[in-house]
Amino acid sequence: MNRFEGGGSREAKIRYLDGDYQILAPGSYVTCAMTGTTIPVDELRYWSVARQEAYIDASASLEADKRAGILPNQKRA
């Protein structure tokens, strides 16, 4: 889905999967779990399957892992 396919300016509901995601309810954006920044769905690149959260960038994803007790180079569950 891209920003021209409907969903307006509301938040999408997404199920985050390994390497992909499934849109449960259409929308034009999701919200970064760490920063609160809106992320256009077509620009979504970082998320956690375990926590079902989206992140604006790799740095926010790393900070979320640290907060969850997952250190860099540590195997994720």
C-alpha atoms as a PDB file:
ATOM      1  CA  MET A   1       0.000   0.000   0.000  1.00  0.00           C
ATOM      2  CA  ASN A   2       1.259   3.454  -0.739  1.00  0.00           C
ATOM      3  CA  ARG A   3       0.095   6.825   0.487  1.00  0.00           C
ATOM      4  CA  PHE A   4      -2.277   7.170  -2.494  1.00  0.00           C
ATOM      5  CA  GLU A   5      -4.194   3.930  -1.906  1.00  0.00           C
ATOM      6  CA  GLY A   6      -6.462   5.143   0.849  1.00  0.00           C
ATOM      7  CA  GLY A   7      -6.163   5.031   4.580  1.00  0.00           C
ATOM      8  CA  GLY A   8      -6.177   8.814   4.685  1.00  0.00           C
ATOM      9  CA  SER A   9      -4.163  10.402   7.427  1.00  0.00           C
ATOM     10  CA  ARG A  10      -4.882   7.841  10.111  1.00  0.00           C
ATOM     11  CA  GLU A  11      -2.562   5.383  11.790  1.00  0.00           C
ATOM     12  CA  ALA A  12      -2.290   1.941  10.215  1.00  0.00           C
ATOM     13  CA  LYS A  13      -2.636  -1.172  12.356  1.00  0.00           C
ATOM     14  CA  ILE A  14       0.139  -3.591  11.442  1.00  0.00           C
ATOM     15  CA  ARG A  15       1.236  -7.094  12.443  1.00  0.00           C
ATOM     16  CA  TYR A  16       5.023  -7.172  12.244  1.00  0.00           C
ATOM     17  CA  LEU A  17       6.481 -10.387  10.833  1.00  0.00           C
ATOM     18  CA  ASP A  18      10.015 -11.622  10.111  1.00  0.00           C
ATOM     19  CA  GLY A  19      11.158  -9.544   7.130  1.00  0.00           C
ATOM     20  CA  ASP A  20       7.648  -8.350   6.281  1.00  0.00           C
ATOM     21  CA  TYR A  21       4.469  -6.995   7.799  1.00  0.00           C
ATOM     22  CA  GLN A  22       0.748  -7.462   7.375  1.00  0.00           C
ATOM     23  CA  ILE A  23      -1.596  -4.480   7.301  1.00  0.00           C
ATOM     24  CA  LEU A  24      -4.567  -5.215   9.546  1.00  0.00           C
ATOM     25  CA  ALA A  25      -6.238  -1.807   9.172  1.00  0.00           C
ATOM     26  CA  PRO A  26      -5.237   0.653   6.436  1.00  0.00           C
ATOM     27  CA  GLY A  27      -3.610   3.927   7.285  1.00  0.00           C
ATOM     28  CA  SER A  28      -0.888   6.200   6.011  1.00  0.00           C
ATOM     29  CA  TYR A  29       1.527   5.951   8.931  1.00  0.00           C
ATOM     30  CA  VAL A  30       2.635   4.153  12.103  1.00  0.00           C
ATOM     31  CA  THR A  31       4.232   5.682  15.196  1.00  0.00           C
ATOM     32  CA  CYS A  32       7.794   5.036  16.350  1.00  0.00           C
ATOM     33  CA  ALA A  33       7.667   3.298  19.737  1.00  0.00           C
ATOM     34  CA  MET A  34      10.800   5.118  20.935  1.00  0.00           C
ATOM     35  CA  THR A  35      10.419   8.660  19.625  1.00  0.00           C
ATOM     36  CA  GLY A  36       6.719   9.088  18.883  1.00  0.00           C
ATOM     37  CA  THR A  37       7.622  10.200  15.354  1.00  0.00           C
ATOM     38  CA  THR A  38       5.173   9.276  12.609  1.00  0.00           C
ATOM     39  CA  ILE A  39       6.563   6.937   9.942  1.00  0.00           C
ATOM     40  CA  PRO A  40       4.864   6.766   6.528  1.00  0.00           C
ATOM     41  CA  VAL A  41       3.947   3.119   5.940  1.00  0.00           C
ATOM     42  CA  ASP A  42       5.804   3.068   2.623  1.00  0.00           C
ATOM     43  CA  GLU A  43       8.987   4.165   4.455  1.00  0.00           C
ATOM     44  CA  LEU A  44       8.741   1.615   7.299  1.00  0.00           C
ATOM     45  CA  ARG A  45      12.009  -0.335   7.549  1.00  0.00           C
ATOM     46  CA  TYR A  46      12.586  -1.112  11.240  1.00  0.00           C
ATOM     47  CA  TRP A  47      10.385  -3.029  13.682  1.00  0.00           C
ATOM     48  CA  SER A  48      10.387  -5.671  16.394  1.00  0.00           C
ATOM     49  CA  VAL A  49       8.466  -8.873  15.825  1.00  0.00           C
ATOM     50  CA  ALA A  50       8.713  -9.814  19.514  1.00  0.00           C
ATOM     51  CA  ARG A  51       7.457  -6.444  20.789  1.00  0.00           C
ATOM     52  CA  GLN A  52       5.253  -5.603  17.761  1.00  0.00           C
ATOM     53  CA  GLU A  53       6.692  -2.075  17.598  1.00  0.00           C
ATOM     54  CA  ALA A  54       7.832   0.159  14.743  1.00  0.00           C
ATOM     55  CA  TYR A  55      10.966   2.328  14.809  1.00  0.00           C
ATOM     56  CA  ILE A  56      11.967   5.386  12.804  1.00  0.00           C
ATOM     57  CA  ASP A  57      15.545   4.184  12.253  1.00  0.00           C
ATOM     58  CA  ALA A  58      18.209   1.681  13.284  1.00  0.00           C
ATOM     59  CA  SER A  59      19.278   3.836  16.220  1.00  0.00           C
ATOM     60  CA  ALA A  60      15.767   3.808  17.703  1.00  0.00           C
ATOM     61  CA  SER A  61      15.592   0.046  17.157  1.00  0.00           C
ATOM     62  CA  LEU A  62      18.917  -0.434  18.980  1.00  0.00           C
ATOM     63  CA  GLU A  63      17.747   1.727  21.889  1.00  0.00           C
ATOM     64  CA  ALA A  64      14.545  -0.344  22.141  1.00  0.00           C
ATOM     65  CA  ASP A  65      16.635  -3.527  22.238  1.00  0.00           C
ATOM     66  CA  LYS A  66      18.813  -2.063  24.998  1.00  0.00           C
ATOM     67  CA  ARG A  67      15.716  -1.057  26.965  1.00  0.00           C
ATOM     68  CA  ALA A  68      14.405  -4.614  26.566  1.00  0.00           C
ATOM     69  CA  GLY A  69      17.700  -6.010  27.859  1.00  0.00           C
ATOM     70  CA  ILE A  70      19.010  -7.226  24.510  1.00  0.00           C
ATOM     71  CA  LEU A  71      22.616  -6.184  24.009  1.00  0.00           C
ATOM     72  CA  PRO A  72      24.280  -5.811  20.589  1.00  0.00           C
ATOM     73  CA  ASN A  73      25.625  -9.144  19.259  1.00  0.00           C
ATOM     74  CA  GLN A  74      23.310 -11.029  21.615  1.00  0.00           C
ATOM     75  CA  LYS A  75      20.946 -13.527  20.034  1.00  0.00           C
ATOM     76  CA  ARG A  76      17.342 -12.325  19.962  1.00  0.00           C
ATOM     77  CA  ALA A  77      14.480 -14.535  20.989  1.00  0.00           C
END
